[in-house]
N, C-alpha and C. Protein backbone atom coordinates (compact mmCIF):
# COMPACT_ATOMS: atom_id res chain seq x y z
N MET A 1 -49.83 -29.15 -103.19
CA MET A 1 -50.06 -28.07 -104.12
C MET A 1 -48.71 -27.38 -104.37
N ALA A 2 -48.18 -27.60 -105.53
CA ALA A 2 -46.88 -27.03 -105.86
C ALA A 2 -47.06 -25.63 -106.43
N ALA A 3 -46.34 -24.71 -105.86
CA ALA A 3 -46.37 -23.33 -106.35
C ALA A 3 -45.01 -23.03 -106.96
N ALA A 4 -45.01 -22.16 -107.93
CA ALA A 4 -43.76 -21.80 -108.59
C ALA A 4 -42.85 -21.08 -107.60
N ILE A 5 -41.59 -21.41 -107.68
CA ILE A 5 -40.60 -20.74 -106.84
C ILE A 5 -39.70 -19.94 -107.78
N ARG A 6 -39.61 -18.68 -107.48
CA ARG A 6 -38.80 -17.79 -108.32
C ARG A 6 -37.40 -17.70 -107.70
N GLU A 7 -36.45 -18.28 -108.38
CA GLU A 7 -35.09 -18.23 -107.88
C GLU A 7 -34.23 -17.34 -108.77
N ARG A 8 -33.21 -16.80 -108.16
CA ARG A 8 -32.20 -16.02 -108.88
C ARG A 8 -30.87 -16.67 -108.56
N TYR A 9 -30.03 -16.75 -109.55
CA TYR A 9 -28.76 -17.44 -109.37
C TYR A 9 -27.63 -16.47 -109.10
N VAL A 10 -26.70 -16.93 -108.29
CA VAL A 10 -25.45 -16.23 -108.05
C VAL A 10 -24.43 -16.90 -108.96
N VAL A 11 -23.70 -16.12 -109.72
CA VAL A 11 -22.72 -16.69 -110.64
C VAL A 11 -21.32 -16.19 -110.31
N ASP A 12 -20.34 -17.00 -110.67
CA ASP A 12 -18.95 -16.59 -110.46
C ASP A 12 -18.48 -15.79 -111.67
N GLU A 13 -17.18 -15.47 -111.69
CA GLU A 13 -16.63 -14.64 -112.76
C GLU A 13 -16.76 -15.28 -114.13
N GLN A 14 -16.82 -16.61 -114.18
CA GLN A 14 -16.95 -17.32 -115.46
C GLN A 14 -18.41 -17.54 -115.86
N GLY A 15 -19.34 -17.10 -115.05
CA GLY A 15 -20.75 -17.27 -115.36
C GLY A 15 -21.35 -18.58 -114.86
N ASN A 16 -20.56 -19.34 -114.10
CA ASN A 16 -21.06 -20.60 -113.54
C ASN A 16 -21.99 -20.33 -112.36
N GLN A 17 -23.11 -21.02 -112.31
CA GLN A 17 -24.03 -20.86 -111.19
C GLN A 17 -23.41 -21.49 -109.94
N VAL A 18 -23.28 -20.69 -108.89
CA VAL A 18 -22.65 -21.17 -107.66
C VAL A 18 -23.56 -21.04 -106.45
N GLY A 19 -24.72 -20.44 -106.63
CA GLY A 19 -25.65 -20.26 -105.53
C GLY A 19 -27.00 -19.85 -106.06
N VAL A 20 -27.95 -19.80 -105.16
CA VAL A 20 -29.30 -19.41 -105.55
C VAL A 20 -29.89 -18.51 -104.48
N LEU A 21 -30.67 -17.53 -104.90
CA LEU A 21 -31.38 -16.65 -103.99
C LEU A 21 -32.86 -16.95 -104.11
N LEU A 22 -33.53 -17.09 -102.99
CA LEU A 22 -34.96 -17.33 -102.96
C LEU A 22 -35.62 -16.26 -102.10
N ASP A 23 -36.86 -15.92 -102.44
CA ASP A 23 -37.56 -15.02 -101.53
C ASP A 23 -37.89 -15.81 -100.27
N ILE A 24 -38.07 -15.12 -99.17
CA ILE A 24 -38.24 -15.79 -97.88
C ILE A 24 -39.47 -16.68 -97.86
N ARG A 25 -40.55 -16.28 -98.53
CA ARG A 25 -41.75 -17.11 -98.56
C ARG A 25 -41.48 -18.43 -99.27
N GLY A 26 -40.77 -18.37 -100.39
CA GLY A 26 -40.40 -19.59 -101.11
C GLY A 26 -39.51 -20.49 -100.28
N TYR A 27 -38.54 -19.88 -99.59
CA TYR A 27 -37.63 -20.64 -98.74
C TYR A 27 -38.40 -21.35 -97.62
N ARG A 28 -39.31 -20.62 -96.97
CA ARG A 28 -40.09 -21.22 -95.88
C ARG A 28 -40.99 -22.32 -96.40
N ARG A 29 -41.54 -22.14 -97.59
CA ARG A 29 -42.38 -23.18 -98.19
C ARG A 29 -41.57 -24.44 -98.45
N ILE A 30 -40.35 -24.28 -98.93
CA ILE A 30 -39.47 -25.43 -99.16
C ILE A 30 -39.18 -26.14 -97.84
N LEU A 31 -38.89 -25.38 -96.78
CA LEU A 31 -38.63 -25.99 -95.48
C LEU A 31 -39.84 -26.78 -94.98
N GLU A 32 -41.03 -26.22 -95.14
CA GLU A 32 -42.25 -26.92 -94.72
C GLU A 32 -42.42 -28.22 -95.51
N GLU A 33 -42.17 -28.18 -96.79
CA GLU A 33 -42.28 -29.38 -97.62
C GLU A 33 -41.26 -30.44 -97.20
N LEU A 34 -40.05 -30.00 -96.87
CA LEU A 34 -39.02 -30.94 -96.43
C LEU A 34 -39.40 -31.59 -95.10
N GLU A 35 -39.98 -30.80 -94.18
CA GLU A 35 -40.42 -31.35 -92.91
C GLU A 35 -41.51 -32.39 -93.12
N GLU A 36 -42.44 -32.11 -94.02
CA GLU A 36 -43.52 -33.05 -94.32
C GLU A 36 -42.95 -34.32 -94.94
N LEU A 37 -42.02 -34.17 -95.86
CA LEU A 37 -41.39 -35.32 -96.49
C LEU A 37 -40.65 -36.17 -95.46
N GLU A 38 -39.97 -35.52 -94.52
CA GLU A 38 -39.26 -36.24 -93.46
C GLU A 38 -40.24 -37.06 -92.62
N ALA A 39 -41.40 -36.48 -92.29
CA ALA A 39 -42.41 -37.19 -91.52
C ALA A 39 -42.95 -38.38 -92.29
N ILE A 40 -43.17 -38.21 -93.59
CA ILE A 40 -43.66 -39.31 -94.41
C ILE A 40 -42.64 -40.43 -94.47
N ARG A 41 -41.39 -40.07 -94.65
CA ARG A 41 -40.33 -41.10 -94.70
C ARG A 41 -40.20 -41.83 -93.37
N ALA A 42 -40.31 -41.10 -92.25
CA ALA A 42 -40.25 -41.74 -90.93
C ALA A 42 -41.42 -42.69 -90.75
N TYR A 43 -42.61 -42.29 -91.18
CA TYR A 43 -43.78 -43.15 -91.10
C TYR A 43 -43.57 -44.41 -91.94
N ASP A 44 -43.11 -44.23 -93.17
CA ASP A 44 -42.88 -45.37 -94.05
C ASP A 44 -41.85 -46.33 -93.45
N ALA A 45 -40.79 -45.78 -92.87
CA ALA A 45 -39.76 -46.62 -92.26
C ALA A 45 -40.31 -47.37 -91.06
N ALA A 46 -41.10 -46.70 -90.24
CA ALA A 46 -41.69 -47.36 -89.07
C ALA A 46 -42.65 -48.45 -89.49
N LYS A 47 -43.45 -48.19 -90.50
CA LYS A 47 -44.41 -49.18 -90.97
C LYS A 47 -43.68 -50.39 -91.56
N ALA A 48 -42.60 -50.15 -92.29
CA ALA A 48 -41.84 -51.23 -92.93
C ALA A 48 -41.05 -52.05 -91.92
N SER A 49 -40.78 -51.49 -90.74
CA SER A 49 -39.96 -52.20 -89.75
C SER A 49 -40.70 -53.39 -89.16
N GLY A 50 -42.03 -53.36 -89.20
CA GLY A 50 -42.80 -54.46 -88.64
C GLY A 50 -42.88 -54.44 -87.13
N ASP A 51 -42.34 -53.41 -86.48
CA ASP A 51 -42.41 -53.31 -85.03
C ASP A 51 -43.86 -53.10 -84.60
N GLU A 52 -44.15 -53.55 -83.39
CA GLU A 52 -45.48 -53.38 -82.85
C GLU A 52 -45.72 -51.91 -82.50
N ALA A 53 -46.87 -51.42 -82.89
CA ALA A 53 -47.24 -50.04 -82.59
C ALA A 53 -47.80 -49.97 -81.17
N ILE A 54 -47.42 -48.91 -80.45
CA ILE A 54 -47.98 -48.71 -79.11
C ILE A 54 -48.59 -47.32 -79.05
N PRO A 55 -49.59 -47.14 -78.20
CA PRO A 55 -50.21 -45.81 -78.10
C PRO A 55 -49.19 -44.75 -77.66
N PHE A 56 -49.38 -43.54 -78.13
CA PHE A 56 -48.48 -42.44 -77.83
C PHE A 56 -48.31 -42.24 -76.33
N GLU A 57 -49.43 -42.27 -75.59
CA GLU A 57 -49.38 -42.04 -74.15
C GLU A 57 -48.50 -43.08 -73.45
N LEU A 58 -48.59 -44.33 -73.89
CA LEU A 58 -47.78 -45.39 -73.32
C LEU A 58 -46.29 -45.16 -73.64
N ALA A 59 -46.01 -44.72 -74.83
CA ALA A 59 -44.62 -44.43 -75.20
C ALA A 59 -44.04 -43.35 -74.32
N ILE A 60 -44.82 -42.31 -74.05
CA ILE A 60 -44.36 -41.22 -73.18
C ILE A 60 -44.13 -41.73 -71.76
N GLU A 61 -45.01 -42.58 -71.26
CA GLU A 61 -44.83 -43.15 -69.93
C GLU A 61 -43.54 -43.95 -69.86
N GLU A 62 -43.25 -44.72 -70.90
CA GLU A 62 -42.02 -45.53 -70.91
C GLU A 62 -40.78 -44.65 -70.95
N ILE A 63 -40.86 -43.54 -71.64
CA ILE A 63 -39.72 -42.63 -71.73
C ILE A 63 -39.44 -41.98 -70.37
N GLU A 64 -40.52 -41.59 -69.70
CA GLU A 64 -40.37 -40.91 -68.40
C GLU A 64 -39.97 -41.92 -67.38
């Protein structure tokens, strides 16, 4: 569910956009979306690798 993000730009003396200001809620929403995207990409990469899947509990035992 995409919600509008209201940004304000920081400009230099020539009027070039050099930064952006976001309200904290918008910023946190972007971070959450990025974390979700990272998880999806990791899942896709793991699935594409063809490696054998093992149960989570077994993976933890092997790490310890």
